[in-house]
Amino acid sequence: MTIHTFETSCILDNNRFYTIQEILKNQDKSKWKAEKEGMTYFGLSYKGIIIKMYRIKKKGYYSYYILYRISARRVIDNGNYVGLFDVEDYDVLKEKINIHNCNCQFHNIIF
């Protein structure tokens, strides 16, 4: 099976949320875009990764989560916009990606 882009997300506690946010803001503040319920970080988009962080208030409580939109072929081939990723090459992708150890499915992003 081949895919172009996929998303993975996980719930964070507020300390982890703000720690990751601070790390990414220190990378390049101009790569942030504020949104209604969170923000998007485009600092890794050239590598095929867009990071969205959400803070949602429900019934007086906040929940925090992070979402990664990943163009797998672009991550592996450094700029291949149109290539498809064969899921059998998952281990190659896993070596390239680390999602801040937030208990998502991946573990190795390179800044």
C-alpha atoms as a PDB file:
ATOM      1  CA  MET A   1       0.000   0.000   0.000  1.00  0.00           C
ATOM      2  CA  THR A   2       1.229   3.515  -0.765  1.00  0.00           C
ATOM      3  CA  ILE A   3       0.227   6.844   0.747  1.00  0.00           C
ATOM      4  CA  HIS A   4       1.094  10.486   0.197  1.00  0.00           C
ATOM      5  CA  THR A   5       0.309  12.253   3.468  1.00  0.00           C
ATOM      6  CA  PHE A   6      -0.936  11.112   6.847  1.00  0.00           C
ATOM      7  CA  GLU A   7      -1.619  12.573  10.273  1.00  0.00           C
ATOM      8  CA  THR A   8      -0.899  11.368  13.765  1.00  0.00           C
ATOM      9  CA  SER A   9      -1.809  13.065  17.015  1.00  0.00           C
ATOM     10  CA  CYS A  10      -1.680  12.599  20.740  1.00  0.00           C
ATOM     11  CA  ILE A  11      -2.984  14.205  23.893  1.00  0.00           C
ATOM     12  CA  LEU A  12      -0.496  16.120  26.032  1.00  0.00           C
ATOM     13  CA  ASP A  13      -0.561  17.395  29.581  1.00  0.00           C
ATOM     14  CA  ASN A  14      -0.248  21.168  29.887  1.00  0.00           C
ATOM     15  CA  ASN A  15       3.432  21.051  30.941  1.00  0.00           C
ATOM     16  CA  ARG A  16       4.407  18.979  27.909  1.00  0.00           C
ATOM     17  CA  PHE A  17       2.271  21.173  25.630  1.00  0.00           C
ATOM     18  CA  TYR A  18       3.957  24.408  26.718  1.00  0.00           C
ATOM     19  CA  THR A  19       7.437  22.841  26.750  1.00  0.00           C
ATOM     20  CA  ILE A  20       7.089  21.676  23.143  1.00  0.00           C
ATOM     21  CA  GLN A  21       5.565  25.014  22.168  1.00  0.00           C
ATOM     22  CA  GLU A  22       8.517  26.871  23.714  1.00  0.00           C
ATOM     23  CA  ILE A  23      11.052  24.625  21.958  1.00  0.00           C
ATOM     24  CA  LEU A  24       9.408  25.226  18.590  1.00  0.00           C
ATOM     25  CA  LYS A  25       9.012  28.985  19.149  1.00  0.00           C
ATOM     26  CA  ASN A  26      12.716  29.204  19.950  1.00  0.00           C
ATOM     27  CA  GLN A  27      13.475  27.557  16.602  1.00  0.00           C
ATOM     28  CA  ASP A  28      11.866  30.379  14.599  1.00  0.00           C
ATOM     29  CA  LYS A  29       9.014  32.573  15.854  1.00  0.00           C
ATOM     30  CA  SER A  30       8.162  33.679  12.315  1.00  0.00           C
ATOM     31  CA  LYS A  31       7.129  30.108  11.428  1.00  0.00           C
ATOM     32  CA  TRP A  32       4.090  30.184  13.765  1.00  0.00           C
ATOM     33  CA  LYS A  33       0.543  30.931  12.656  1.00  0.00           C
ATOM     34  CA  ALA A  34      -2.105  31.611  15.320  1.00  0.00           C
ATOM     35  CA  GLU A  35      -5.453  29.942  14.794  1.00  0.00           C
ATOM     36  CA  LYS A  36      -8.790  29.999  16.596  1.00  0.00           C
ATOM     37  CA  GLU A  37      -8.071  27.058  18.897  1.00  0.00           C
ATOM     38  CA  GLY A  38      -4.308  26.784  18.668  1.00  0.00           C
ATOM     39  CA  MET A  39      -1.379  27.353  16.392  1.00  0.00           C
ATOM     40  CA  THR A  40       0.478  25.809  13.463  1.00  0.00           C
ATOM     41  CA  TYR A  41       4.243  25.540  13.158  1.00  0.00           C
ATOM     42  CA  PHE A  42       5.639  25.557   9.611  1.00  0.00           C
ATOM     43  CA  GLY A  43       9.344  25.447  10.536  1.00  0.00           C
ATOM     44  CA  LEU A  44       9.679  21.845   9.355  1.00  0.00           C
ATOM     45  CA  SER A  45       7.419  22.086   6.310  1.00  0.00           C
ATOM     46  CA  TYR A  46      10.459  22.008   4.023  1.00  0.00           C
ATOM     47  CA  LYS A  47      11.061  18.513   5.438  1.00  0.00           C
ATOM     48  CA  GLY A  48       7.439  17.481   4.933  1.00  0.00           C
ATOM     49  CA  ILE A  49       6.201  17.974   8.501  1.00  0.00           C
ATOM     50  CA  ILE A  50       3.607  20.459   9.739  1.00  0.00           C
ATOM     51  CA  ILE A  51       2.878  20.600  13.464  1.00  0.00           C
ATOM     52  CA  LYS A  52      -0.442  21.802  14.859  1.00  0.00           C
ATOM     53  CA  MET A  53      -0.980  22.387  18.564  1.00  0.00           C
ATOM     54  CA  TYR A  54      -4.448  22.761  20.046  1.00  0.00           C
ATOM     55  CA  ARG A  55      -5.746  23.966  23.388  1.00  0.00           C
ATOM     56  CA  ILE A  56      -9.457  23.284  23.650  1.00  0.00           C
ATOM     57  CA  LYS A  57     -11.700  24.331  26.513  1.00  0.00           C
ATOM     58  CA  LYS A  58     -14.692  22.120  27.295  1.00  0.00           C
ATOM     59  CA  LYS A  59     -16.847  22.388  30.389  1.00  0.00           C
ATOM     60  CA  GLY A  60     -14.312  24.687  32.055  1.00  0.00           C
ATOM     61  CA  TYR A  61     -11.323  22.394  31.490  1.00  0.00           C
ATOM     62  CA  TYR A  62      -8.561  22.576  28.934  1.00  0.00           C
ATOM     63  CA  SER A  63      -7.318  19.682  26.897  1.00  0.00           C
ATOM     64  CA  TYR A  64      -4.099  19.855  24.903  1.00  0.00           C
ATOM     65  CA  TYR A  65      -3.031  17.909  21.901  1.00  0.00           C
ATOM     66  CA  ILE A  66      -0.535  17.937  19.113  1.00  0.00           C
ATOM     67  CA  LEU A  67      -1.082  16.839  15.529  1.00  0.00           C
ATOM     68  CA  TYR A  68       1.589  16.063  12.950  1.00  0.00           C
ATOM     69  CA  ARG A  69       0.805  16.190   9.238  1.00  0.00           C
ATOM     70  CA  ILE A  70       3.527  14.192   7.520  1.00  0.00           C
ATOM     71  CA  SER A  71       4.381  13.873   3.845  1.00  0.00           C
ATOM     72  CA  ALA A  72       6.364  10.671   4.265  1.00  0.00           C
ATOM     73  CA  ARG A  73       8.096  10.608   0.895  1.00  0.00           C
ATOM     74  CA  ARG A  74       9.185  14.225   1.356  1.00  0.00           C
ATOM     75  CA  VAL A  75      10.660  13.403   4.770  1.00  0.00           C
ATOM     76  CA  ILE A  76      12.691  10.552   3.322  1.00  0.00           C
ATOM     77  CA  ASP A  77      13.677  12.110  -0.028  1.00  0.00           C
ATOM     78  CA  ASN A  78      14.196  15.736   1.130  1.00  0.00           C
ATOM     79  CA  GLY A  79      11.748  17.575  -1.054  1.00  0.00           C
ATOM     80  CA  ASN A  80       9.983  14.946  -3.147  1.00  0.00           C
ATOM     81  CA  TYR A  81       6.538  16.602  -3.304  1.00  0.00           C
ATOM     82  CA  VAL A  82       4.798  14.066  -5.505  1.00  0.00           C
ATOM     83  CA  GLY A  83       6.249  10.703  -4.549  1.00  0.00           C
ATOM     84  CA  LEU A  84       4.230   8.093  -2.755  1.00  0.00           C
ATOM     85  CA  PHE A  85       5.390   6.317   0.374  1.00  0.00           C
ATOM     86  CA  ASP A  86       5.275   2.534   0.503  1.00  0.00           C
ATOM     87  CA  VAL A  87       4.174   1.531   4.004  1.00  0.00           C
ATOM     88  CA  GLU A  88       6.635  -1.370   3.899  1.00  0.00           C
ATOM     89  CA  ASP A  89       9.350   1.324   4.298  1.00  0.00           C
ATOM     90  CA  TYR A  90       7.954   2.351   7.689  1.00  0.00           C
ATOM     91  CA  ASP A  91      11.256   1.678   9.499  1.00  0.00           C
ATOM     92  CA  VAL A  92      13.055   4.160   7.227  1.00  0.00           C
ATOM     93  CA  LEU A  93      10.472   6.820   8.086  1.00  0.00           C
ATOM     94  CA  LYS A  94      10.583   5.986  11.789  1.00  0.00           C
ATOM     95  CA  GLU A  95      14.335   6.635  11.822  1.00  0.00           C
ATOM     96  CA  LYS A  96      13.759  10.154  10.430  1.00  0.00           C
ATOM     97  CA  ILE A  97      10.931  11.227  12.738  1.00  0.00           C
ATOM     98  CA  ASN A  98      10.771  11.836  16.477  1.00  0.00           C
ATOM     99  CA  ILE A  99       7.639  13.412  17.776  1.00  0.00           C
ATOM    100  CA  HIS A 100       9.065  14.729  21.039  1.00  0.00           C
ATOM    101  CA  ASN A 101       8.445  11.407  22.785  1.00  0.00           C
ATOM    102  CA  CYS A 102       4.787  12.314  23.279  1.00  0.00           C
ATOM    103  CA  ASN A 103       3.752   8.649  23.067  1.00  0.00           C
ATOM    104  CA  CYS A 104       2.721   9.006  19.434  1.00  0.00           C
ATOM    105  CA  GLN A 105       3.691   6.322  16.965  1.00  0.00           C
ATOM    106  CA  PHE A 106       7.055   7.870  16.068  1.00  0.00           C
ATOM    107  CA  HIS A 107      10.236   8.769  17.924  1.00  0.00           C
ATOM    108  CA  ASN A 108      13.110  10.879  16.195  1.00  0.00           C
ATOM    109  CA  ILE A 109      12.423  14.470  14.607  1.00  0.00           C
ATOM    110  CA  ILE A 110      15.524  16.308  13.448  1.00  0.00           C
ATOM    111  CA  PHE A 111      15.589  20.100  14.003  1.00  0.00           C
END
